[in-house]
Amino acid sequence: MKFTSQQVAKPYFIFALLLFAGQIVFGLLMGMQYINGDVGFPYIPFNVARMVHTNLLIVWLLFGFMGASYYLVPEEANIDLFSPKLAKITFWVFAAAGVAVIGRLFICALC
């Protein structure tokens, strides 16, 4: 890496990969439910799995683009980020909000 502030992008990419893995898991679950409707039915109905799968798509793309911008902007501008600490705080705020929203959607759909 050319600048030390580009290290800020690493947690964004790691979290995006975790969200992508979650999306794959829910996609496979939906595929199994489509073939055999009884897979995980009382706990995760098909409509809940579809909703979580779609929301994970939006959130992991957002984290991936944010990580890419934190990586590319210093390199293209040829200067360090103004505040890497603020970028880290933004990551934790967005990660907590994303987990809370997806968790809340999942819990509300089961009620």
PDB file of N, CA and C in Angstrom:
ATOM      1  N   MET A   1       0.846  -1.180   0.000  1.00  0.00           N
ATOM      2  CA  MET A   1       0.000   0.000   0.000  1.00  0.00           C
ATOM      3  C   MET A   1       0.885   1.234   0.000  1.00  0.00           C
ATOM      4  N   LYS A   2       0.437   2.202  -0.728  1.00  0.00           N
ATOM      5  CA  LYS A   2       1.219   3.417  -0.883  1.00  0.00           C
ATOM      6  C   LYS A   2       1.121   4.327   0.340  1.00  0.00           C
ATOM      7  N   PHE A   3      -0.068   4.392   0.955  1.00  0.00           N
ATOM      8  CA  PHE A   3      -0.301   5.262   2.114  1.00  0.00           C
ATOM      9  C   PHE A   3      -0.788   4.423   3.292  1.00  0.00           C
ATOM     10  N   THR A   4      -0.439   4.864   4.489  1.00  0.00           N
ATOM     11  CA  THR A   4      -0.865   4.127   5.679  1.00  0.00           C
ATOM     12  C   THR A   4      -2.363   4.246   5.912  1.00  0.00           C
ATOM     13  N   SER A   5      -2.972   5.319   5.453  1.00  0.00           N
ATOM     14  CA  SER A   5      -4.412   5.493   5.676  1.00  0.00           C
ATOM     15  C   SER A   5      -5.244   4.538   4.823  1.00  0.00           C
ATOM     16  N   GLN A   6      -4.623   3.867   3.862  1.00  0.00           N
ATOM     17  CA  GLN A   6      -5.360   2.893   3.061  1.00  0.00           C
ATOM     18  C   GLN A   6      -5.698   1.639   3.867  1.00  0.00           C
ATOM     19  N   GLN A   7      -5.070   1.481   5.026  1.00  0.00           N
ATOM     20  CA  GLN A   7      -5.387   0.355   5.905  1.00  0.00           C
ATOM     21  C   GLN A   7      -6.825   0.421   6.411  1.00  0.00           C
ATOM     22  N   VAL A   8      -7.426   1.593   6.333  1.00  0.00           N
ATOM     23  CA  VAL A   8      -8.810   1.761   6.779  1.00  0.00           C
ATOM     24  C   VAL A   8      -9.749   0.908   5.943  1.00  0.00           C
ATOM     25  N   ALA A   9      -9.394   0.631   4.705  1.00  0.00           N
ATOM     26  CA  ALA A   9     -10.266  -0.117   3.803  1.00  0.00           C
ATOM     27  C   ALA A   9     -10.368  -1.586   4.179  1.00  0.00           C
ATOM     28  N   LYS A  10      -9.398  -2.108   4.903  1.00  0.00           N
ATOM     29  CA  LYS A  10      -9.372  -3.538   5.208  1.00  0.00           C
ATOM     30  C   LYS A  10     -10.608  -4.016   5.979  1.00  0.00           C
ATOM     31  N   PRO A  11     -11.038  -3.351   7.072  1.00  0.00           N
ATOM     32  CA  PRO A  11     -12.242  -3.835   7.759  1.00  0.00           C
ATOM     33  C   PRO A  11     -13.494  -3.777   6.886  1.00  0.00           C
ATOM     34  N   TYR A  12     -13.564  -2.784   6.005  1.00  0.00           N
ATOM     35  CA  TYR A  12     -14.707  -2.699   5.098  1.00  0.00           C
ATOM     36  C   TYR A  12     -14.763  -3.916   4.185  1.00  0.00           C
ATOM     37  N   PHE A  13     -13.612  -4.305   3.632  1.00  0.00           N
ATOM     38  CA  PHE A  13     -13.573  -5.453   2.736  1.00  0.00           C
ATOM     39  C   PHE A  13     -13.856  -6.748   3.479  1.00  0.00           C
ATOM     40  N   ILE A  14     -13.329  -6.887   4.681  1.00  0.00           N
ATOM     41  CA  ILE A  14     -13.560  -8.104   5.460  1.00  0.00           C
ATOM     42  C   ILE A  14     -15.033  -8.233   5.815  1.00  0.00           C
ATOM     43  N   PHE A  15     -15.650  -7.130   6.249  1.00  0.00           N
ATOM     44  CA  PHE A  15     -17.072  -7.176   6.596  1.00  0.00           C
ATOM     45  C   PHE A  15     -17.927  -7.427   5.358  1.00  0.00           C
ATOM     46  N   ALA A  16     -17.527  -6.862   4.217  1.00  0.00           N
ATOM     47  CA  ALA A  16     -18.251  -7.108   2.970  1.00  0.00           C
ATOM     48  C   ALA A  16     -18.182  -8.586   2.597  1.00  0.00           C
ATOM     49  N   LEU A  17     -17.038  -9.211   2.806  1.00  0.00           N
ATOM     50  CA  LEU A  17     -16.921 -10.640   2.515  1.00  0.00           C
ATOM     51  C   LEU A  17     -17.777 -11.479   3.462  1.00  0.00           C
ATOM     52  N   LEU A  18     -17.854 -11.085   4.729  1.00  0.00           N
ATOM     53  CA  LEU A  18     -18.715 -11.805   5.672  1.00  0.00           C
ATOM     54  C   LEU A  18     -20.189 -11.676   5.288  1.00  0.00           C
ATOM     55  N   LEU A  19     -20.582 -10.479   4.890  1.00  0.00           N
ATOM     56  CA  LEU A  19     -21.962 -10.280   4.452  1.00  0.00           C
ATOM     57  C   LEU A  19     -22.252 -11.064   3.176  1.00  0.00           C
ATOM     58  N   PHE A  20     -21.271 -11.120   2.273  1.00  0.00           N
ATOM     59  CA  PHE A  20     -21.436 -11.897   1.054  1.00  0.00           C
ATOM     60  C   PHE A  20     -21.601 -13.380   1.373  1.00  0.00           C
ATOM     61  N   ALA A  21     -20.823 -13.873   2.345  1.00  0.00           N
ATOM     62  CA  ALA A  21     -20.976 -15.271   2.762  1.00  0.00           C
ATOM     63  C   ALA A  21     -22.373 -15.514   3.341  1.00  0.00           C
ATOM     64  N   GLY A  22     -22.872 -14.555   4.118  1.00  0.00           N
ATOM     65  CA  GLY A  22     -24.239 -14.668   4.636  1.00  0.00           C
ATOM     66  C   GLY A  22     -25.265 -14.681   3.519  1.00  0.00           C
ATOM     67  N   GLN A  23     -25.043 -13.891   2.498  1.00  0.00           N
ATOM     68  CA  GLN A  23     -25.963 -13.871   1.370  1.00  0.00           C
ATOM     69  C   GLN A  23     -25.952 -15.213   0.644  1.00  0.00           C
ATOM     70  N   ILE A  24     -24.779 -15.817   0.503  1.00  0.00           N
ATOM     71  CA  ILE A  24     -24.691 -17.127  -0.125  1.00  0.00           C
ATOM     72  C   ILE A  24     -25.430 -18.175   0.702  1.00  0.00           C
ATOM     73  N   VAL A  25     -25.268 -18.118   2.019  1.00  0.00           N
ATOM     74  CA  VAL A  25     -25.950 -19.081   2.893  1.00  0.00           C
ATOM     75  C   VAL A  25     -27.464 -18.955   2.750  1.00  0.00           C
ATOM     76  N   PHE A  26     -27.968 -17.732   2.779  1.00  0.00           N
ATOM     77  CA  PHE A  26     -29.415 -17.556   2.647  1.00  0.00           C
ATOM     78  C   PHE A  26     -29.889 -17.902   1.241  1.00  0.00           C
ATOM     79  N   GLY A  27     -29.076 -17.680   0.227  1.00  0.00           N
ATOM     80  CA  GLY A  27     -29.439 -18.079  -1.128  1.00  0.00           C
ATOM     81  C   GLY A  27     -29.527 -19.588  -1.259  1.00  0.00           C
ATOM     82  N   LEU A  28     -28.568 -20.293  -0.670  1.00  0.00           N
ATOM     83  CA  LEU A  28     -28.619 -21.757  -0.692  1.00  0.00           C
ATOM     84  C   LEU A  28     -29.814 -22.282   0.092  1.00  0.00           C
ATOM     85  N   LEU A  29     -30.100 -21.637   1.217  1.00  0.00           N
ATOM     86  CA  LEU A  29     -31.272 -22.024   2.008  1.00  0.00           C
ATOM     87  C   LEU A  29     -32.552 -21.840   1.203  1.00  0.00           C
ATOM     88  N   MET A  30     -32.652 -20.716   0.486  1.00  0.00           N
ATOM     89  CA  MET A  30     -33.841 -20.493  -0.343  1.00  0.00           C
ATOM     90  C   MET A  30     -33.936 -21.526  -1.461  1.00  0.00           C
ATOM     91  N   GLY A  31     -32.799 -21.889  -2.038  1.00  0.00           N
ATOM     92  CA  GLY A  31     -32.813 -22.925  -3.077  1.00  0.00           C
ATOM     93  C   GLY A  31     -33.293 -24.251  -2.544  1.00  0.00           C
ATOM     94  N   MET A  32     -32.820 -24.614  -1.334  1.00  0.00           N
ATOM     95  CA  MET A  32     -33.270 -25.866  -0.724  1.00  0.00           C
ATOM     96  C   MET A  32     -34.752 -25.786  -0.360  1.00  0.00           C
ATOM     97  N   GLN A  33     -35.214 -24.617   0.084  1.00  0.00           N
ATOM     98  CA  GLN A  33     -36.626 -24.462   0.414  1.00  0.00           C
ATOM     99  C   GLN A  33     -37.490 -24.504  -0.849  1.00  0.00           C
ATOM    100  N   TYR A  34     -36.945 -24.043  -1.956  1.00  0.00           N
ATOM    101  CA  TYR A  34     -37.695 -24.081  -3.212  1.00  0.00           C
ATOM    102  C   TYR A  34     -37.876 -25.520  -3.685  1.00  0.00           C
ATOM    103  N   ILE A  35     -36.839 -26.344  -3.492  1.00  0.00           N
ATOM    104  CA  ILE A  35     -36.916 -27.750  -3.896  1.00  0.00           C
ATOM    105  C   ILE A  35     -37.747 -28.544  -2.892  1.00  0.00           C
ATOM    106  N   ASN A  36     -37.460 -28.368  -1.608  1.00  0.00           N
ATOM    107  CA  ASN A  36     -38.170 -29.068  -0.542  1.00  0.00           C
ATOM    108  C   ASN A  36     -38.655 -28.012   0.440  1.00  0.00           C
ATOM    109  N   GLY A  37     -39.922 -27.731   0.468  1.00  0.00           N
ATOM    110  CA  GLY A  37     -40.479 -26.630   1.251  1.00  0.00           C
ATOM    111  C   GLY A  37     -40.351 -26.749   2.752  1.00  0.00           C
ATOM    112  N   ASP A  38     -39.937 -27.897   3.259  1.00  0.00           N
ATOM    113  CA  ASP A  38     -39.885 -28.105   4.707  1.00  0.00           C
ATOM    114  C   ASP A  38     -38.534 -27.751   5.332  1.00  0.00           C
ATOM    115  N   VAL A  39     -37.572 -27.324   4.539  1.00  0.00           N
ATOM    116  CA  VAL A  39     -36.230 -27.048   5.068  1.00  0.00           C
ATOM    117  C   VAL A  39     -36.273 -25.779   5.912  1.00  0.00           C
ATOM    118  N   GLY A  40     -36.074 -25.915   7.208  1.00  0.00           N
ATOM    119  CA  GLY A  40     -36.019 -24.775   8.126  1.00  0.00           C
ATOM    120  C   GLY A  40     -37.303 -23.973   8.216  1.00  0.00           C
ATOM    121  N   PHE A  41     -38.438 -24.593   7.885  1.00  0.00           N
ATOM    122  CA  PHE A  41     -39.672 -23.820   7.770  1.00  0.00           C
ATOM    123  C   PHE A  41     -40.126 -23.109   9.036  1.00  0.00           C
ATOM    124  N   PRO A  42     -40.252 -23.758  10.168  1.00  0.00           N
ATOM    125  CA  PRO A  42     -40.820 -22.981  11.284  1.00  0.00           C
ATOM    126  C   PRO A  42     -39.906 -21.852  11.750  1.00  0.00           C
ATOM    127  N   TYR A  43     -38.621 -21.961  11.476  1.00  0.00           N
ATOM    128  CA  TYR A  43     -37.684 -20.958  11.974  1.00  0.00           C
ATOM    129  C   TYR A  43     -37.370 -19.881  10.934  1.00  0.00           C
ATOM    130  N   ILE A  44     -37.153 -20.300   9.697  1.00  0.00           N
ATOM    131  CA  ILE A  44     -36.836 -19.345   8.627  1.00  0.00           C
ATOM    132  C   ILE A  44     -37.734 -19.637   7.428  1.00  0.00           C
ATOM    133  N   PRO A  45     -38.882 -18.968   7.345  1.00  0.00           N
ATOM    134  CA  PRO A  45     -39.733 -19.153   6.168  1.00  0.00           C
ATOM    135  C   PRO A  45     -39.069 -18.565   4.917  1.00  0.00           C
ATOM    136  N   PHE A  46     -39.582 -18.941   3.753  1.00  0.00           N
ATOM    137  CA  PHE A  46     -38.988 -18.522   2.490  1.00  0.00           C
ATOM    138  C   PHE A  46     -38.994 -17.004   2.342  1.00  0.00           C
ATOM    139  N   ASN A  47     -40.092 -16.352   2.722  1.00  0.00           N
ATOM    140  CA  ASN A  47     -40.158 -14.896   2.554  1.00  0.00           C
ATOM    141  C   ASN A  47     -39.136 -14.167   3.441  1.00  0.00           C
ATOM    142  N   VAL A  48     -38.841 -14.701   4.610  1.00  0.00           N
ATOM    143  CA  VAL A  48     -37.834 -14.102   5.484  1.00  0.00           C
ATOM    144  C   VAL A  48     -36.443 -14.297   4.890  1.00  0.00           C
ATOM    145  N   ALA A  49     -36.167 -15.494   4.399  1.00  0.00           N
ATOM    146  CA  ALA A  49     -34.867 -15.766   3.790  1.00  0.00           C
ATOM    147  C   ALA A  49     -34.656 -14.879   2.559  1.00  0.00           C
ATOM    148  N   ARG A  50     -35.697 -14.682   1.767  1.00  0.00           N
ATOM    149  CA  ARG A  50     -35.582 -13.828   0.581  1.00  0.00           C
ATOM    150  C   ARG A  50     -35.305 -12.381   0.977  1.00  0.00           C
ATOM    151  N   MET A  51     -35.986 -11.910   2.017  1.00  0.00           N
ATOM    152  CA  MET A  51     -35.800 -10.535   2.469  1.00  0.00           C
ATOM    153  C   MET A  51     -34.378 -10.322   3.011  1.00  0.00           C
ATOM    154  N   VAL A  52     -33.892 -11.240   3.824  1.00  0.00           N
ATOM    155  CA  VAL A  52     -32.545 -11.116   4.376  1.00  0.00           C
ATOM    156  C   VAL A  52     -31.512 -11.232   3.254  1.00  0.00           C
ATOM    157  N   HIS A  53     -31.733 -12.132   2.320  1.00  0.00           N
ATOM    158  CA  HIS A  53     -30.834 -12.313   1.179  1.00  0.00           C
ATOM    159  C   HIS A  53     -30.712 -11.022   0.372  1.00  0.00           C
ATOM    160  N   THR A  54     -31.827 -10.379   0.095  1.00  0.00           N
ATOM    161  CA  THR A  54     -31.815  -9.135  -0.682  1.00  0.00           C
ATOM    162  C   THR A  54     -31.175  -7.989   0.097  1.00  0.00           C
ATOM    163  N   ASN A  55     -31.479  -7.876   1.380  1.00  0.00           N
ATOM    164  CA  ASN A  55     -30.886  -6.810   2.189  1.00  0.00           C
ATOM    165  C   ASN A  55     -29.383  -6.993   2.359  1.00  0.00           C
ATOM    166  N   LEU A  56     -28.940  -8.239   2.480  1.00  0.00           N
ATOM    167  CA  LEU A  56     -27.497  -8.487   2.561  1.00  0.00           C
ATOM    168  C   LEU A  56     -26.797  -8.053   1.283  1.00  0.00           C
ATOM    169  N   LEU A  57     -27.453  -8.218   0.151  1.00  0.00           N
ATOM    170  CA  LEU A  57     -26.876  -7.770  -1.118  1.00  0.00           C
ATOM    171  C   LEU A  57     -26.607  -6.277  -1.090  1.00  0.00           C
ATOM    172  N   ILE A  58     -27.582  -5.520  -0.647  1.00  0.00           N
ATOM    173  CA  ILE A  58     -27.442  -4.064  -0.624  1.00  0.00           C
ATOM    174  C   ILE A  58     -26.336  -3.645   0.351  1.00  0.00           C
ATOM    175  N   VAL A  59     -26.303  -4.268   1.518  1.00  0.00           N
ATOM    176  CA  VAL A  59     -25.352  -3.853   2.547  1.00  0.00           C
ATOM    177  C   VAL A  59     -23.924  -4.250   2.178  1.00  0.00           C
ATOM    178  N   TRP A  60     -23.727  -5.460   1.625  1.00  0.00           N
ATOM    179  CA  TRP A  60     -22.344  -5.838   1.294  1.00  0.00           C
ATOM    180  C   TRP A  60     -21.818  -5.026   0.120  1.00  0.00           C
ATOM    181  N   LEU A  61     -22.684  -4.664  -0.814  1.00  0.00           N
ATOM    182  CA  LEU A  61     -22.241  -3.783  -1.892  1.00  0.00           C
ATOM    183  C   LEU A  61     -21.851  -2.407  -1.351  1.00  0.00           C
ATOM    184  N   LEU A  62     -22.626  -1.900  -0.410  1.00  0.00           N
ATOM    185  CA  LEU A  62     -22.313  -0.607   0.195  1.00  0.00           C
ATOM    186  C   LEU A  62     -20.958  -0.648   0.896  1.00  0.00           C
ATOM    187  N   PHE A  63     -20.720  -1.683   1.690  1.00  0.00           N
ATOM    188  CA  PHE A  63     -19.442  -1.790   2.384  1.00  0.00           C
ATOM    189  C   PHE A  63     -18.286  -1.981   1.401  1.00  0.00           C
ATOM    190  N   GLY A  64     -18.505  -2.735   0.351  1.00  0.00           N
ATOM    191  CA  GLY A  64     -17.457  -2.918  -0.643  1.00  0.00           C
ATOM    192  C   GLY A  64     -17.098  -1.623  -1.347  1.00  0.00           C
ATOM    193  N   PHE A  65     -18.110  -0.838  -1.712  1.00  0.00           N
ATOM    194  CA  PHE A  65     -17.845   0.443  -2.378  1.00  0.00           C
ATOM    195  C   PHE A  65     -17.184   1.443  -1.427  1.00  0.00           C
ATOM    196  N   MET A  66     -17.591   1.434  -0.160  1.00  0.00           N
ATOM    197  CA  MET A  66     -16.955   2.337   0.796  1.00  0.00           C
ATOM    198  C   MET A  66     -15.496   1.955   1.006  1.00  0.00           C
ATOM    199  N   GLY A  67     -15.220   0.660   1.120  1.00  0.00           N
ATOM    200  CA  GLY A  67     -13.842   0.212   1.264  1.00  0.00           C
ATOM    201  C   GLY A  67     -13.012   0.554   0.032  1.00  0.00           C
ATOM    202  N   ALA A  68     -13.606   0.389  -1.140  1.00  0.00           N
ATOM    203  CA  ALA A  68     -12.888   0.724  -2.370  1.00  0.00           C
ATOM    204  C   ALA A  68     -12.585   2.214  -2.445  1.00  0.00           C
ATOM    205  N   SER A  69     -13.516   3.034  -1.996  1.00  0.00           N
ATOM    206  CA  SER A  69     -13.263   4.469  -2.038  1.00  0.00           C
ATOM    207  C   SER A  69     -12.185   4.866  -1.030  1.00  0.00           C
ATOM    208  N   TYR A  70     -12.195   4.249   0.160  1.00  0.00           N
ATOM    209  CA  TYR A  70     -11.142   4.544   1.134  1.00  0.00           C
ATOM    210  C   TYR A  70      -9.773   4.058   0.659  1.00  0.00           C
ATOM    211  N   TYR A  71      -9.755   3.063  -0.204  1.00  0.00           N
ATOM    212  CA  TYR A  71      -8.489   2.580  -0.731  1.00  0.00           C
ATOM    213  C   TYR A  71      -8.021   3.421  -1.918  1.00  0.00           C
ATOM    214  N   LEU A  72      -8.945   3.782  -2.807  1.00  0.00           N
ATOM    215  CA  LEU A  72      -8.561   4.445  -4.055  1.00  0.00           C
ATOM    216  C   LEU A  72      -8.358   5.948  -3.933  1.00  0.00           C
ATOM    217  N   VAL A  73      -9.124   6.613  -3.092  1.00  0.00           N
ATOM    218  CA  VAL A  73      -9.031   8.071  -3.008  1.00  0.00           C
ATOM    219  C   VAL A  73      -7.637   8.549  -2.596  1.00  0.00           C
ATOM    220  N   PRO A  74      -7.003   7.974  -1.561  1.00  0.00           N
ATOM    221  CA  PRO A  74      -5.644   8.447  -1.234  1.00  0.00           C
ATOM    222  C   PRO A  74      -4.644   8.200  -2.365  1.00  0.00           C
ATOM    223  N   GLU A  75      -4.821   7.081  -3.063  1.00  0.00           N
ATOM    224  CA  GLU A  75      -3.890   6.772  -4.137  1.00  0.00           C
ATOM    225  C   GLU A  75      -4.065   7.724  -5.323  1.00  0.00           C
ATOM    226  N   GLU A  76      -5.283   8.027  -5.664  1.00  0.00           N
ATOM    227  CA  GLU A  76      -5.538   8.921  -6.797  1.00  0.00           C
ATOM    228  C   GLU A  76      -5.226  10.380  -6.456  1.00  0.00           C
ATOM    229  N   ALA A  77      -5.516  10.779  -5.207  1.00  0.00           N
ATOM    230  CA  ALA A  77      -5.255  12.159  -4.794  1.00  0.00           C
ATOM    231  C   ALA A  77      -3.807  12.367  -4.375  1.00  0.00           C
ATOM    232  N   ASN A  78      -3.088  11.260  -4.191  1.00  0.00           N
ATOM    233  CA  ASN A  78      -1.681  11.309  -3.798  1.00  0.00           C
ATOM    234  C   ASN A  78      -1.476  11.990  -2.447  1.00  0.00           C
ATOM    235  N   ILE A  79      -2.391  11.724  -1.522  1.00  0.00           N
ATOM    236  CA  ILE A  79      -2.313  12.297  -0.174  1.00  0.00           C
ATOM    237  C   ILE A  79      -3.048  11.359   0.785  1.00  0.00           C
ATOM    238  N   ASP A  80      -2.631  11.346   2.040  1.00  0.00           N
ATOM    239  CA  ASP A  80      -3.310  10.534   3.047  1.00  0.00           C
ATOM    240  C   ASP A  80      -4.717  11.053   3.313  1.00  0.00           C
ATOM    241  N   LEU A  81      -5.547  10.172   3.893  1.00  0.00           N
ATOM    242  CA  LEU A  81      -6.875  10.607   4.320  1.00  0.00           C
ATOM    243  C   LEU A  81      -6.743  11.659   5.411  1.00  0.00           C
ATOM    244  N   PHE A  82      -7.730  12.538   5.482  1.00  0.00           N
ATOM    245  CA  PHE A  82      -7.692  13.590   6.499  1.00  0.00           C
ATOM    246  C   PHE A  82      -7.791  12.995   7.888  1.00  0.00           C
ATOM    247  N   SER A  83      -8.728  12.051   8.076  1.00  0.00           N
ATOM    248  CA  SER A  83      -8.930  11.482   9.399  1.00  0.00           C
ATOM    249  C   SER A  83      -9.235   9.987   9.300  1.00  0.00           C
ATOM    250  N   PRO A  84      -8.221   9.144   9.364  1.00  0.00           N
ATOM    251  CA  PRO A  84      -8.486   7.701   9.372  1.00  0.00           C
ATOM    252  C   PRO A  84      -9.310   7.258  10.581  1.00  0.00           C
ATOM    253  N   LYS A  85      -9.171   7.987  11.688  1.00  0.00           N
ATOM    254  CA  LYS A  85      -9.958   7.653  12.883  1.00  0.00           C
ATOM    255  C   LYS A  85     -11.450   7.834  12.617  1.00  0.00           C
ATOM    256  N   LEU A  86     -11.809   8.890  11.914  1.00  0.00           N
ATOM    257  CA  LEU A  86     -13.209   9.115  11.556  1.00  0.00           C
ATOM    258  C   LEU A  86     -13.717   8.020  10.617  1.00  0.00           C
ATOM    259  N   ALA A  87     -12.865   7.554   9.723  1.00  0.00           N
ATOM    260  CA  ALA A  87     -13.251   6.463   8.824  1.00  0.00           C
ATOM    261  C   ALA A  87     -13.493   5.171   9.608  1.00  0.00           C
ATOM    262  N   LYS A  88     -12.686   4.924  10.635  1.00  0.00           N
ATOM    263  CA  LYS A  88     -12.880   3.736  11.471  1.00  0.00           C
ATOM    264  C   LYS A  88     -14.163   3.847  12.287  1.00  0.00           C
ATOM    265  N   ILE A  89     -14.433   5.042  12.807  1.00  0.00           N
ATOM    266  CA  ILE A  89     -15.679   5.261  13.551  1.00  0.00           C
ATOM    267  C   ILE A  89     -16.874   5.053  12.628  1.00  0.00           C
ATOM    268  N   THR A  90     -16.785   5.545  11.407  1.00  0.00           N
ATOM    269  CA  THR A  90     -17.856   5.362  10.432  1.00  0.00           C
ATOM    270  C   THR A  90     -18.080   3.882  10.158  1.00  0.00           C
ATOM    271  N   PHE A  91     -16.995   3.125  10.052  1.00  0.00           N
ATOM    272  CA  PHE A  91     -17.140   1.684   9.833  1.00  0.00           C
ATOM    273  C   PHE A  91     -17.929   1.047  10.969  1.00  0.00           C
ATOM    274  N   TRP A  92     -17.543   1.323  12.211  1.00  0.00           N
ATOM    275  CA  TRP A  92     -18.215   0.673  13.337  1.00  0.00           C
ATOM    276  C   TRP A  92     -19.666   1.108  13.467  1.00  0.00           C
ATOM    277  N   VAL A  93     -19.945   2.377  13.154  1.00  0.00           N
ATOM    278  CA  VAL A  93     -21.338   2.840  13.209  1.00  0.00           C
ATOM    279  C   VAL A  93     -22.175   2.135  12.144  1.00  0.00           C
ATOM    280  N   PHE A  94     -21.659   2.074  10.910  1.00  0.00           N
ATOM    281  CA  PHE A  94     -22.401   1.419   9.833  1.00  0.00           C
ATOM    282  C   PHE A  94     -22.513  -0.084  10.053  1.00  0.00           C
ATOM    283  N   ALA A  95     -21.455  -0.710  10.579  1.00  0.00           N
ATOM    284  CA  ALA A  95     -21.514  -2.151  10.846  1.00  0.00           C
ATOM    285  C   ALA A  95     -22.562  -2.453  11.909  1.00  0.00           C
ATOM    286  N   ALA A  96     -22.576  -1.674  12.978  1.00  0.00           N
ATOM    287  CA  ALA A  96     -23.577  -1.891  14.033  1.00  0.00           C
ATOM    288  C   ALA A  96     -24.984  -1.638  13.505  1.00  0.00           C
ATOM    289  N   ALA A  97     -25.142  -0.589  12.708  1.00  0.00           N
ATOM    290  CA  ALA A  97     -26.469  -0.293  12.149  1.00  0.00           C
ATOM    291  C   ALA A  97     -26.910  -1.385  11.185  1.00  0.00           C
ATOM    292  N   GLY A  98     -25.998  -1.875  10.362  1.00  0.00           N
ATOM    293  CA  GLY A  98     -26.348  -2.938   9.424  1.00  0.00           C
ATOM    294  C   GLY A  98     -26.744  -4.220  10.121  1.00  0.00           C
ATOM    295  N   VAL A  99     -25.980  -4.596  11.134  1.00  0.00           N
ATOM    296  CA  VAL A  99     -26.306  -5.805  11.896  1.00  0.00           C
ATOM    297  C   VAL A  99     -27.639  -5.619  12.630  1.00  0.00           C
ATOM    298  N   ALA A 100     -27.856  -4.447  13.187  1.00  0.00           N
ATOM    299  CA  ALA A 100     -29.108  -4.193  13.916  1.00  0.00           C
ATOM    300  C   ALA A 100     -30.313  -4.220  12.985  1.00  0.00           C
ATOM    301  N   VAL A 101     -30.186  -3.615  11.813  1.00  0.00           N
ATOM    302  CA  VAL A 101     -31.318  -3.580  10.877  1.00  0.00           C
ATOM    303  C   VAL A 101     -31.632  -4.972  10.354  1.00  0.00           C
ATOM    304  N   ILE A 102     -30.616  -5.706   9.944  1.00  0.00           N
ATOM    305  CA  ILE A 102     -30.868  -7.058   9.427  1.00  0.00           C
ATOM    306  C   ILE A 102     -31.386  -7.962  10.525  1.00  0.00           C
ATOM    307  N   GLY A 103     -30.843  -7.843  11.731  1.00  0.00           N
ATOM    308  CA  GLY A 103     -31.349  -8.615  12.851  1.00  0.00           C
ATOM    309  C   GLY A 103     -32.790  -8.276  13.191  1.00  0.00           C
ATOM    310  N   ARG A 104     -33.103  -6.985  13.160  1.00  0.00           N
ATOM    311  CA  ARG A 104     -34.470  -6.547  13.461  1.00  0.00           C
ATOM    312  C   ARG A 104     -35.450  -7.030  12.394  1.00  0.00           C
ATOM    313  N   LEU A 105     -35.058  -6.963  11.133  1.00  0.00           N
ATOM    314  CA  LEU A 105     -35.927  -7.478  10.065  1.00  0.00           C
ATOM    315  C   LEU A 105     -36.155  -8.969  10.221  1.00  0.00           C
ATOM    316  N   PHE A 106     -35.102  -9.673  10.592  1.00  0.00           N
ATOM    317  CA  PHE A 106     -35.211 -11.117  10.774  1.00  0.00           C
ATOM    318  C   PHE A 106     -36.132 -11.442  11.944  1.00  0.00           C
ATOM    319  N   ILE A 107     -35.993 -10.713  13.049  1.00  0.00           N
ATOM    320  CA  ILE A 107     -36.829 -10.978  14.234  1.00  0.00           C
ATOM    321  C   ILE A 107     -38.287 -10.585  13.969  1.00  0.00           C
ATOM    322  N   CYS A 108     -38.497  -9.432  13.301  1.00  0.00           N
ATOM    323  CA  CYS A 108     -39.876  -9.008  13.017  1.00  0.00           C
ATOM    324  C   CYS A 108     -40.582  -9.955  12.076  1.00  0.00           C
ATOM    325  N   ALA A 109     -39.852 -10.520  11.138  1.00  0.00           N
ATOM    326  CA  ALA A 109     -40.476 -11.436  10.192  1.00  0.00           C
ATOM    327  C   ALA A 109     -40.887 -12.743  10.859  1.00  0.00           C
ATOM    328  N   LEU A 110     -40.220 -13.101  11.936  1.00  0.00           N
ATOM    329  CA  LEU A 110     -40.565 -14.332  12.637  1.00  0.00           C
ATOM    330  C   LEU A 110     -41.739 -14.162  13.587  1.00  0.00           C
ATOM    331  N   CYS A 111     -42.067 -12.932  13.930  1.00  0.00           N
ATOM    332  CA  CYS A 111     -43.169 -12.686  14.871  1.00  0.00           C
ATOM    333  C   CYS A 111     -44.516 -12.927  14.236  1.00  0.00           C
TER     334      CYS A 111
END
